[in-house]
Amino acid sequence: MNTLKGPAHRRRVVRKVTNVLALGLSGVATAIGLAFLAAILWTLIKNGLAGVSIQLFTESTPPPGNSGGLLNAIYGSVAMTLIGILIGAPVGMLAGTYLAEYGRTSRLSMVIRFVNDVLLSAPSIIVGLFIYEVLVIRMGHFSAIAGAVALAVIAMPVTVRTTEDMLSLVPQGMKDASTAMGAYPWRTITNIIYPAARSGIVTGLR
């Protein structure tokens, strides 16, 4: 009996010691990461609070060496974000809806999913260069529209994947019940499926 319990006992001890070591190393790594993060935040707050003023939000970016603010940068970021969402969200949601509800096994859906996966892994710098070649050079200048289109191209694959996944999680019984009551497919999607998957779709849009 002792010879049988010996190896098992040793294995338990080894597992406990390994667990304690792993937890300890994880805790040390976490503490080091938090220490660096705290140092960065402290430096940012210490050196950045002195530069926060009303001028920062009410004046445009000045030439080098002059005083001014970030109004144009803030306005441009907000404008590009809103326009990018208005462009990318409808396209992504409609494409995800098609993949989840209309063309799950069609050849076109396979092509769309493949292209979407490629775009998901595409570096943002490649998207920026593409939009620069297609829009900026032809327009002759930078603009919020070009930035918004680049943002939409980056966001659309995420929206497509999230929408498809969230719509696929809606129970089939809800769809069948709506169809049995005489609802058209578009009515089932807009009144039943979208509300059921709203939280997931909104998360993808963010």
Protein backbone atom coordinates (compact mmCIF):
# COMPACT_ATOMS: atom_id res chain seq x y z
CA MET A 1 0.00 0.00 0.00
CA ASN A 2 2.78 2.44 0.86
CA THR A 3 4.56 1.68 -2.42
CA LEU A 4 1.33 2.42 -4.32
CA LYS A 5 0.65 5.62 -2.43
CA GLY A 6 4.22 6.86 -2.69
CA PRO A 7 4.33 7.68 -6.43
CA ALA A 8 0.82 9.18 -6.34
CA HIS A 9 1.74 11.32 -3.36
CA ARG A 10 4.91 12.51 -5.07
CA ARG A 11 2.96 13.39 -8.21
CA ARG A 12 0.51 15.43 -6.13
CA VAL A 13 3.39 17.25 -4.46
CA VAL A 14 5.03 17.94 -7.81
CA ARG A 15 1.74 19.30 -9.19
CA LYS A 16 1.24 21.53 -6.17
CA VAL A 17 4.80 22.86 -6.33
CA THR A 18 4.46 23.44 -10.09
CA ASN A 19 1.17 25.24 -9.54
CA VAL A 20 2.66 27.46 -6.85
CA LEU A 21 5.66 28.29 -9.06
CA ALA A 22 3.44 29.07 -12.05
CA LEU A 23 1.19 31.31 -9.96
CA GLY A 24 4.20 33.03 -8.47
CA LEU A 25 5.82 33.69 -11.85
CA SER A 26 2.50 34.91 -13.25
CA GLY A 27 2.10 37.25 -10.30
CA VAL A 28 5.62 38.62 -10.72
CA ALA A 29 5.08 39.17 -14.45
CA THR A 30 1.78 40.91 -13.76
CA ALA A 31 3.37 43.13 -11.11
CA ILE A 32 6.18 44.11 -13.50
CA GLY A 33 3.70 44.94 -16.27
CA LEU A 34 1.53 46.99 -13.90
CA ALA A 35 4.61 48.81 -12.60
CA PHE A 36 5.62 49.86 -16.12
CA LEU A 37 2.03 50.84 -16.89
CA ALA A 38 1.82 52.92 -13.71
CA ALA A 39 5.12 54.63 -14.58
CA ILE A 40 3.86 55.48 -18.07
CA LEU A 41 0.56 56.80 -16.73
CA TRP A 42 2.31 58.84 -14.06
CA THR A 43 4.67 60.40 -16.61
CA LEU A 44 1.74 61.14 -18.92
CA ILE A 45 -0.31 62.75 -16.17
CA LYS A 46 2.64 64.65 -14.68
CA ASN A 47 3.81 66.13 -17.99
CA GLY A 48 0.46 66.29 -19.75
CA LEU A 49 -1.79 68.05 -17.25
CA ALA A 50 0.26 71.23 -17.60
CA GLY A 51 -0.64 71.38 -21.29
CA VAL A 52 -4.39 70.94 -20.83
CA SER A 53 -6.24 74.23 -21.26
CA ILE A 54 -9.21 75.73 -23.06
CA GLN A 55 -6.94 76.59 -26.00
CA LEU A 56 -6.27 72.89 -26.51
CA PHE A 57 -9.93 72.34 -27.49
CA THR A 58 -10.73 75.69 -29.13
CA GLU A 59 -7.72 76.48 -31.35
CA SER A 60 -6.33 74.68 -34.39
CA THR A 61 -2.91 73.10 -34.59
CA PRO A 62 -0.34 75.88 -35.12
CA PRO A 63 2.92 75.83 -37.11
CA PRO A 64 5.94 74.44 -35.24
CA GLY A 65 7.12 76.72 -32.47
CA ASN A 66 3.78 78.50 -31.99
CA SER A 67 1.05 77.96 -29.41
CA GLY A 68 -2.30 76.50 -30.32
CA GLY A 69 -4.64 73.57 -29.80
CA LEU A 70 -5.98 70.38 -31.32
CA LEU A 71 -9.41 71.49 -32.50
CA ASN A 72 -8.86 70.47 -36.10
CA ALA A 73 -7.45 67.08 -35.08
CA ILE A 74 -10.39 66.40 -32.76
CA TYR A 75 -12.90 67.50 -35.40
CA GLY A 76 -11.19 65.42 -38.08
CA SER A 77 -11.12 62.30 -35.90
CA VAL A 78 -14.81 62.63 -35.04
CA ALA A 79 -15.77 63.33 -38.66
CA MET A 80 -13.77 60.38 -40.01
CA THR A 81 -15.18 58.04 -37.37
CA LEU A 82 -18.79 59.02 -38.05
CA ILE A 83 -18.43 58.89 -41.83
CA GLY A 84 -16.54 55.59 -41.61
CA ILE A 85 -19.33 54.07 -39.51
CA LEU A 86 -21.99 55.36 -41.89
CA ILE A 87 -20.15 53.76 -44.81
CA GLY A 88 -18.92 50.53 -43.25
CA ALA A 89 -21.75 49.58 -40.89
CA PRO A 90 -24.56 49.14 -43.47
CA VAL A 91 -22.32 47.28 -45.93
CA GLY A 92 -20.93 45.01 -43.23
CA MET A 93 -24.32 44.27 -41.69
CA LEU A 94 -25.95 43.53 -45.06
CA ALA A 95 -23.08 41.27 -46.11
CA GLY A 96 -23.16 39.44 -42.77
CA THR A 97 -26.94 39.05 -43.07
CA TYR A 98 -26.58 37.56 -46.54
CA LEU A 99 -23.97 35.09 -45.35
CA ALA A 100 -26.02 34.03 -42.32
CA GLU A 101 -29.53 33.94 -43.76
CA TYR A 102 -29.50 33.67 -47.55
CA GLY A 103 -26.29 32.14 -48.86
CA ARG A 104 -24.84 29.94 -46.16
CA THR A 105 -23.59 27.23 -48.53
CA SER A 106 -23.47 29.01 -51.88
CA ARG A 107 -20.28 29.47 -53.89
CA LEU A 108 -20.60 33.24 -53.64
CA SER A 109 -20.67 33.00 -49.86
CA MET A 110 -17.47 30.97 -49.87
CA VAL A 111 -15.78 33.63 -51.98
CA ILE A 112 -17.08 36.43 -49.74
CA ARG A 113 -15.87 34.65 -46.59
CA PHE A 114 -12.44 34.09 -48.14
CA VAL A 115 -12.08 37.73 -49.17
CA ASN A 116 -13.36 38.82 -45.76
CA ASP A 117 -10.78 36.66 -44.00
CA VAL A 118 -8.04 38.17 -46.16
CA LEU A 119 -9.20 41.68 -45.30
CA LEU A 120 -9.33 40.77 -41.60
CA SER A 121 -5.63 39.95 -41.64
CA ALA A 122 -4.60 42.83 -43.92
CA PRO A 123 -2.34 45.38 -42.18
CA SER A 124 -3.85 48.83 -41.83
CA ILE A 125 -0.86 50.36 -43.64
CA ILE A 126 -1.75 48.33 -46.75
CA VAL A 127 -5.34 49.59 -46.61
CA GLY A 128 -4.04 53.14 -46.16
CA LEU A 129 -1.76 52.84 -49.20
CA PHE A 130 -4.63 51.43 -51.27
CA ILE A 131 -6.95 54.30 -50.35
CA TYR A 132 -4.11 56.77 -50.95
CA GLU A 133 -3.67 55.41 -54.47
CA VAL A 134 -7.38 55.21 -55.23
CA LEU A 135 -8.67 58.43 -53.63
CA VAL A 136 -5.99 60.82 -52.39
CA ILE A 137 -3.92 60.91 -55.57
CA ARG A 138 -7.00 61.32 -57.75
CA MET A 139 -8.48 64.02 -55.51
CA GLY A 140 -5.15 65.81 -55.32
CA HIS A 141 -5.26 66.34 -51.57
CA PHE A 142 -5.92 64.63 -48.25
CA SER A 143 -9.46 64.74 -46.90
CA ALA A 144 -11.72 63.34 -44.21
CA ILE A 145 -13.52 61.32 -46.88
CA ALA A 146 -10.35 59.40 -47.75
CA GLY A 147 -9.63 58.71 -44.09
CA ALA A 148 -13.23 57.64 -43.50
CA VAL A 149 -13.16 55.25 -46.46
CA ALA A 150 -9.94 53.70 -45.16
CA LEU A 151 -11.52 53.32 -41.73
CA ALA A 152 -14.63 51.76 -43.29
CA VAL A 153 -12.52 49.25 -45.25
CA ILE A 154 -10.75 48.27 -42.02
CA ALA A 155 -14.01 48.00 -40.04
CA MET A 156 -16.15 46.19 -42.62
CA PRO A 157 -14.55 42.73 -42.29
CA VAL A 158 -15.01 42.81 -38.52
CA THR A 159 -18.62 43.89 -38.93
CA VAL A 160 -19.28 41.16 -41.50
CA ARG A 161 -17.81 38.41 -39.31
CA THR A 162 -19.52 39.63 -36.13
CA THR A 163 -22.90 40.04 -37.80
CA GLU A 164 -22.75 36.59 -39.38
CA ASP A 165 -21.74 34.95 -36.12
CA MET A 166 -24.37 36.75 -34.04
CA LEU A 167 -27.18 36.03 -36.49
CA SER A 168 -26.15 32.37 -36.61
CA LEU A 169 -26.52 32.18 -32.81
CA VAL A 170 -30.20 33.18 -32.93
CA PRO A 171 -32.25 30.00 -32.26
CA GLN A 172 -33.78 28.49 -35.36
CA GLY A 173 -37.06 28.09 -33.48
CA MET A 174 -37.52 31.88 -33.35
CA LYS A 175 -37.09 32.09 -37.11
CA ASP A 176 -39.44 29.17 -37.75
CA ALA A 177 -42.09 30.65 -35.46
CA SER A 178 -41.98 33.95 -37.32
CA THR A 179 -42.21 32.17 -40.68
CA ALA A 180 -45.12 30.05 -39.42
CA MET A 181 -47.01 33.23 -38.54
CA GLY A 182 -46.74 34.36 -42.16
CA ALA A 183 -43.91 36.87 -41.87
CA TYR A 184 -41.79 37.48 -44.93
CA PRO A 185 -38.06 36.70 -44.60
CA TRP A 186 -37.10 40.39 -44.49
CA ARG A 187 -39.67 40.99 -41.75
CA THR A 188 -38.30 38.05 -39.75
CA ILE A 189 -34.78 39.45 -40.07
CA THR A 190 -35.64 43.03 -39.13
CA ASN A 191 -38.19 42.33 -36.38
CA ILE A 192 -36.96 39.05 -34.86
CA ILE A 193 -33.35 38.26 -35.72
CA TYR A 194 -31.81 41.74 -35.53
CA PRO A 195 -33.30 42.56 -32.10
CA ALA A 196 -32.18 39.18 -30.75
CA ALA A 197 -28.60 39.74 -31.97
CA ARG A 198 -28.49 43.50 -31.34
CA SER A 199 -25.93 43.48 -28.54
CA GLY A 200 -23.44 41.36 -30.47
CA ILE A 201 -23.83 43.40 -33.66
CA VAL A 202 -23.36 46.66 -31.80
CA THR A 203 -20.23 45.25 -30.18
CA GLY A 204 -18.86 44.48 -33.64
CA LEU A 205 -19.63 47.99 -34.85
CA ARG A 206 -17.62 49.43 -31.96
